[in-house]
Amino acid sequence: MEQKIAKAHLRQLRMTPRKVKIVLDLIRNKNAAEAAAILKNTNKIACESVSKLLASAVANAENNHGMDVDKLYVAECFVTPGMLKYMKRTMPRAKGSASRILKRTSHITIVLKEREG
């Protein structure tokens, strides 16, 4: 029997992948309810976006795939750099020169599965 999966994607989040990865490492392989509690009580800026994405994945599992919400767990979660690798900005520096600032973006994916038994 094929196991059902539910996915949710967040594209072009204006945050560096490095900051998001720290938060995703906290919720990997946890139950969906436990992951939501961890995100609510963690003091990181990425938690708000990841929490909304997790809620979206749970809603997809329940409504689109008919999965049991109590058995869901975070099977996979990963972040990749955005297609638009970075926005280029400049900052004035000494002697009339300028330095480049790279504002990075992220794509986040969360995959939920049902636990067996």
Protein backbone atom coordinates (compact mmCIF):
# COMPACT_ATOMS: atom_id res chain seq x y z
CA MET A 1 0.00 0.00 0.00
CA GLU A 2 1.31 3.41 -0.95
CA GLN A 3 1.75 5.82 1.93
CA LYS A 4 0.03 9.20 1.53
CA ILE A 5 2.05 12.36 1.84
CA ALA A 6 1.01 15.99 2.19
CA LYS A 7 3.26 18.86 1.12
CA ALA A 8 3.35 22.60 1.53
CA HIS A 9 5.78 25.03 -0.12
CA LEU A 10 6.76 28.59 0.69
CA ARG A 11 8.51 30.38 -2.14
CA GLN A 12 10.69 33.50 -2.13
CA LEU A 13 10.72 34.10 1.64
CA ARG A 14 12.84 37.20 2.29
CA MET A 15 15.11 35.48 4.80
CA THR A 16 18.43 33.71 4.45
CA PRO A 17 18.35 29.90 4.21
CA ARG A 18 20.88 29.70 7.02
CA LYS A 19 18.46 31.28 9.52
CA VAL A 20 15.56 29.07 8.40
CA LYS A 21 17.61 25.85 8.58
CA ILE A 22 18.16 26.30 12.33
CA VAL A 23 14.39 26.30 12.90
CA LEU A 24 13.69 23.37 10.56
CA ASP A 25 16.26 21.22 12.39
CA LEU A 26 14.17 21.62 15.56
CA ILE A 27 10.97 20.14 14.08
CA ARG A 28 12.28 17.37 11.81
CA ASN A 29 10.73 13.92 12.64
CA LYS A 30 8.43 15.38 15.31
CA ASN A 31 4.64 14.98 15.54
CA ALA A 32 2.76 17.85 13.89
CA ALA A 33 1.26 19.05 17.19
CA GLU A 34 4.62 18.86 18.95
CA ALA A 35 6.31 20.72 16.08
CA ALA A 36 3.69 23.48 16.29
CA ALA A 37 4.33 23.81 20.04
CA ILE A 38 8.10 23.99 19.50
CA LEU A 39 7.68 26.72 16.88
CA LYS A 40 5.37 28.70 19.14
CA ASN A 41 7.89 28.70 22.00
CA THR A 42 11.11 29.26 20.03
CA ASN A 43 12.44 32.80 19.82
CA LYS A 44 13.60 32.92 16.19
CA ILE A 45 12.33 35.22 13.44
CA ALA A 46 11.83 32.29 11.03
CA CYS A 47 9.41 30.53 13.39
CA GLU A 48 6.44 32.63 12.32
CA SER A 49 6.75 31.73 8.63
CA VAL A 50 7.53 28.06 9.30
CA SER A 51 4.60 27.84 11.71
CA LYS A 52 2.19 29.14 9.05
CA LEU A 53 3.65 26.71 6.53
CA LEU A 54 3.23 23.79 8.96
CA ALA A 55 -0.41 24.77 9.54
CA SER A 56 -0.92 24.85 5.77
CA ALA A 57 0.61 21.37 5.38
CA VAL A 58 -1.66 19.99 8.13
CA ALA A 59 -4.70 21.54 6.44
CA ASN A 60 -3.63 20.03 3.09
CA ALA A 61 -3.28 16.60 4.71
CA GLU A 62 -6.69 16.80 6.36
CA ASN A 63 -8.74 18.32 3.54
CA ASN A 64 -7.04 17.11 0.35
CA HIS A 65 -5.80 13.66 1.36
CA GLY A 66 -8.17 12.66 4.20
CA MET A 67 -5.30 11.92 6.60
CA ASP A 68 -5.69 11.65 10.39
CA VAL A 69 -4.30 14.83 11.98
CA ASP A 70 -3.32 13.06 15.23
CA LYS A 71 -1.01 10.63 13.39
CA LEU A 72 0.84 13.23 11.29
CA TYR A 73 4.56 13.84 11.66
CA VAL A 74 7.12 15.98 9.83
CA ALA A 75 8.78 13.43 7.54
CA GLU A 76 10.88 15.94 5.58
CA CYS A 77 11.58 19.63 5.85
CA PHE A 78 14.24 21.49 3.95
CA VAL A 79 15.19 24.92 2.70
CA THR A 80 16.90 25.87 -0.55
CA PRO A 81 18.12 29.24 -1.85
CA GLY A 82 15.52 31.18 -3.81
CA MET A 83 15.48 31.28 -7.59
CA LEU A 84 16.16 34.96 -7.39
CA LYS A 85 19.41 34.13 -5.57
CA TYR A 86 19.66 37.54 -3.98
CA MET A 87 18.63 41.13 -4.38
CA LYS A 88 21.65 43.35 -4.87
CA ARG A 89 21.79 46.55 -2.84
CA THR A 90 24.59 49.01 -2.21
CA MET A 91 25.76 50.73 0.94
CA PRO A 92 27.87 53.90 0.94
CA ARG A 93 31.38 53.41 2.26
CA ALA A 94 34.44 55.58 2.87
CA LYS A 95 35.95 57.86 0.22
CA GLY A 96 32.88 57.85 -2.00
CA SER A 97 32.95 54.13 -2.70
CA ALA A 98 30.15 51.62 -2.22
CA SER A 99 29.93 48.00 -1.14
CA ARG A 100 27.39 45.45 -2.24
CA ILE A 101 24.83 43.90 0.10
CA LEU A 102 23.22 40.61 -0.96
CA LYS A 103 19.68 40.12 0.33
CA ARG A 104 18.99 36.40 0.08
CA THR A 105 15.68 34.55 -0.32
CA SER A 106 14.55 31.02 0.57
CA HIS A 107 12.22 28.26 -0.63
CA ILE A 108 10.89 26.07 2.22
CA THR A 109 9.21 22.68 1.80
CA ILE A 110 7.48 20.63 4.51
CA VAL A 111 6.33 17.03 3.90
CA LEU A 112 3.95 15.32 6.34
CA LYS A 113 3.23 11.57 6.60
CA GLU A 114 1.06 9.40 8.84
CA ARG A 115 2.69 7.21 11.48
CA GLU A 116 2.01 3.49 11.17
CA GLY A 117 -0.07 1.78 13.85
